[in-house]
Amino acid sequence: MRHGKKFNHLGRTSAHRKAMLANMGSSLIEHKRINTTVAKAKALKKFIEPLITKAKIENNQTTEKGTHNRRVVFSNLRSKEAVTELFSTVAEKVGDRPGGYTRIIKLGNRLGDNADMAMIELVDFNELYNAGKPKKKSTRRSRRGGGAKKAEAPAPAAETKTDDSEE
């Protein structure tokens, strides 16, 4: 029975798993997206999202909190460059997002061993997805107001008027 087993051990010792997640987290922060297996992507998501929350500007209002959060993140990531990038550019982009900083997209199976592959990326750094979403929200709001129904109703009325004038 698996009582109390909350996270995937990924078939590794704890030291190997922590080092692997630290390296993958640093790569994700540096490159903004990485390809890996689905299991590792899910483990990385649980590892990196609390660190991004610690890096957000609203959590670092005083210098004491900012220094403490930076040291906590560094103890997990173990890379000065990744911590600097996280607290500068990534924290600015995700400042207004209330969680859900990463996205996992399944890619299919790997050729060599048929492992399920996935791409994990930082949500705010993908311009293709972010460019289309605000436009869709604005058009949905206008259609909910009944604009589409009003546009359809006058069109048949206009056609009947033109038919009457021809007869």
Protein backbone atom coordinates (compact mmCIF):
# COMPACT_ATOMS: atom_id res chain seq x y z
CA MET A 1 0.00 0.00 0.00
CA ARG A 2 1.23 3.50 -0.78
CA HIS A 3 0.06 5.45 2.25
CA GLY A 4 1.94 8.69 2.79
CA LYS A 5 3.91 8.53 -0.48
CA LYS A 6 3.23 11.95 -1.93
CA PHE A 7 5.88 12.38 -4.62
CA ASN A 8 7.50 10.31 -7.33
CA HIS A 9 10.98 9.08 -6.43
CA LEU A 10 11.82 8.69 -10.14
CA GLY A 11 13.90 5.58 -9.44
CA ARG A 12 16.74 7.57 -7.88
CA THR A 13 18.28 8.16 -4.49
CA SER A 14 17.28 11.36 -2.72
CA ALA A 15 20.62 13.09 -3.41
CA HIS A 16 20.48 12.17 -7.11
CA ARG A 17 16.85 13.28 -7.35
CA LYS A 18 17.53 16.64 -5.65
CA ALA A 19 20.54 17.30 -7.89
CA MET A 20 18.58 16.33 -11.01
CA LEU A 21 15.66 18.61 -10.11
CA ALA A 22 18.04 21.48 -9.31
CA ASN A 23 19.73 21.08 -12.71
CA MET A 24 16.43 20.78 -14.55
CA GLY A 25 15.05 23.82 -12.71
CA SER A 26 18.10 25.89 -13.62
CA SER A 27 17.76 24.82 -17.26
CA LEU A 28 14.05 25.68 -17.27
CA ILE A 29 14.72 29.15 -15.88
CA GLU A 30 17.56 29.75 -18.32
CA HIS A 31 15.91 28.40 -21.50
CA LYS A 32 12.22 28.95 -20.53
CA ARG A 33 11.27 25.48 -21.86
CA ILE A 34 12.82 22.01 -21.82
CA ASN A 35 11.94 18.58 -23.17
CA THR A 36 11.88 15.68 -20.71
CA THR A 37 9.74 12.73 -19.70
CA VAL A 38 6.23 13.27 -18.35
CA ALA A 39 7.13 11.95 -14.88
CA LYS A 40 10.15 14.24 -14.58
CA ALA A 41 8.12 17.19 -15.86
CA LYS A 42 5.45 16.63 -13.20
CA ALA A 43 8.12 16.33 -10.50
CA LEU A 44 9.83 19.48 -11.79
CA LYS A 45 6.53 21.37 -11.72
CA LYS A 46 6.08 20.60 -8.02
CA PHE A 47 9.71 21.59 -7.41
CA ILE A 48 9.86 24.87 -9.35
CA GLU A 49 6.48 26.53 -8.72
CA PRO A 50 7.07 27.27 -5.00
CA LEU A 51 10.47 28.75 -5.93
CA ILE A 52 8.87 31.07 -8.49
CA THR A 53 6.34 32.14 -5.85
CA LYS A 54 9.22 33.02 -3.51
CA ALA A 55 10.80 35.09 -6.27
CA LYS A 56 7.73 37.22 -6.95
CA ILE A 57 8.14 40.91 -6.18
CA GLU A 58 5.18 41.11 -3.80
CA ASN A 59 6.87 38.53 -1.52
CA ASN A 60 10.12 40.52 -1.40
CA GLN A 61 8.96 43.95 -0.20
CA THR A 62 11.61 44.31 2.52
CA THR A 63 15.28 43.56 2.16
CA GLU A 64 15.15 40.95 4.93
CA LYS A 65 12.42 38.96 3.18
CA GLY A 66 14.10 39.39 -0.20
CA THR A 67 17.45 38.17 1.08
CA HIS A 68 15.88 35.24 2.91
CA ASN A 69 13.84 34.15 -0.13
CA ARG A 70 16.88 34.48 -2.39
CA ARG A 71 18.92 32.25 -0.06
CA VAL A 72 16.13 29.65 0.20
CA VAL A 73 15.84 29.51 -3.59
CA PHE A 74 19.61 29.29 -3.97
CA SER A 75 19.76 26.34 -1.57
CA ASN A 76 17.34 24.50 -3.86
CA LEU A 77 18.63 25.59 -7.29
CA ARG A 78 22.37 25.78 -6.52
CA SER A 79 23.07 28.18 -9.39
CA LYS A 80 23.75 31.91 -9.00
CA GLU A 81 22.88 32.66 -12.62
CA ALA A 82 19.52 30.87 -12.38
CA VAL A 83 18.63 32.66 -9.13
CA THR A 84 19.53 36.05 -10.65
CA GLU A 85 17.42 35.31 -13.75
CA LEU A 86 14.54 34.06 -11.61
CA PHE A 87 14.44 37.11 -9.35
CA SER A 88 14.79 39.60 -12.21
CA THR A 89 13.08 38.70 -15.51
CA VAL A 90 10.90 35.78 -14.43
CA ALA A 91 9.60 37.55 -11.32
CA GLU A 92 8.62 40.60 -13.39
CA LYS A 93 6.70 38.52 -15.94
CA VAL A 94 4.75 36.42 -13.42
CA GLY A 95 4.08 39.25 -10.99
CA ASP A 96 0.32 39.34 -11.52
CA ARG A 97 -0.24 35.60 -12.01
CA PRO A 98 -1.67 33.83 -8.92
CA GLY A 99 0.10 30.52 -9.48
CA GLY A 100 0.27 28.05 -12.36
CA TYR A 101 3.55 29.34 -13.74
CA THR A 102 4.41 26.24 -15.81
CA ARG A 103 2.67 24.31 -18.57
CA ILE A 104 3.26 20.67 -19.50
CA ILE A 105 2.57 19.70 -23.13
CA LYS A 106 2.75 16.01 -24.01
CA LEU A 107 4.80 15.28 -27.13
CA GLY A 108 4.37 11.55 -27.72
CA ASN A 109 6.77 8.68 -27.20
CA ARG A 110 10.56 8.64 -27.46
CA LEU A 111 11.94 6.45 -30.24
CA GLY A 112 14.57 4.55 -28.26
CA ASP A 113 12.62 3.30 -25.26
CA ASN A 114 9.02 4.45 -25.98
CA ALA A 115 8.99 6.73 -22.91
CA ASP A 116 6.24 9.36 -22.70
CA MET A 117 7.86 12.70 -23.54
CA ALA A 118 6.67 16.18 -22.60
CA MET A 119 7.73 19.78 -22.93
CA ILE A 120 7.55 21.88 -19.77
CA GLU A 121 7.64 25.64 -20.22
CA LEU A 122 7.11 28.85 -18.32
CA VAL A 123 3.63 30.07 -19.25
CA ASP A 124 4.33 33.81 -19.53
CA PHE A 125 7.29 33.34 -21.88
CA ASN A 126 5.35 31.66 -24.71
CA GLU A 127 4.22 34.47 -27.01
CA LEU A 128 2.22 32.16 -29.29
CA TYR A 129 -0.25 31.14 -26.58
CA ASN A 130 -0.30 34.50 -24.80
CA ALA A 131 -0.90 36.52 -27.98
CA GLY A 132 -4.18 34.77 -28.80
CA LYS A 133 -5.73 34.59 -25.35
CA PRO A 134 -6.45 38.28 -24.63
CA LYS A 135 -8.14 38.69 -28.01
CA LYS A 136 -10.39 35.71 -27.40
CA LYS A 137 -11.46 37.03 -24.01
CA SER A 138 -12.44 40.41 -25.44
CA THR A 139 -14.50 38.91 -28.26
CA ARG A 140 -16.22 36.48 -25.92
CA ARG A 141 -17.28 39.31 -23.65
CA SER A 142 -18.80 41.29 -26.49
CA ARG A 143 -20.70 38.26 -27.80
CA ARG A 144 -22.13 37.44 -24.40
CA GLY A 145 -23.70 40.88 -24.32
CA GLY A 146 -26.04 39.84 -27.13
CA GLY A 147 -24.12 41.49 -29.97
CA ALA A 148 -24.26 38.35 -32.11
CA LYS A 149 -28.04 37.96 -31.71
CA LYS A 150 -28.66 41.59 -32.65
CA ALA A 151 -26.46 41.25 -35.73
CA GLU A 152 -28.39 38.19 -36.93
CA ALA A 153 -31.89 39.64 -36.35
CA PRO A 154 -31.64 42.78 -38.58
CA ALA A 155 -30.14 40.85 -41.49
CA PRO A 156 -33.36 38.92 -42.38
CA ALA A 157 -35.44 42.06 -41.87
CA ALA A 158 -33.26 43.96 -44.34
CA GLU A 159 -33.64 41.19 -46.93
CA THR A 160 -37.45 41.25 -46.70
CA LYS A 161 -37.49 45.01 -47.26
CA THR A 162 -35.45 44.67 -50.44
CA ASP A 163 -37.81 41.93 -51.68
CA ASP A 164 -40.86 44.19 -51.13
CA SER A 165 -39.34 47.06 -53.07
CA GLU A 166 -38.63 44.86 -56.12
CA GLU A 167 -42.24 43.60 -56.38
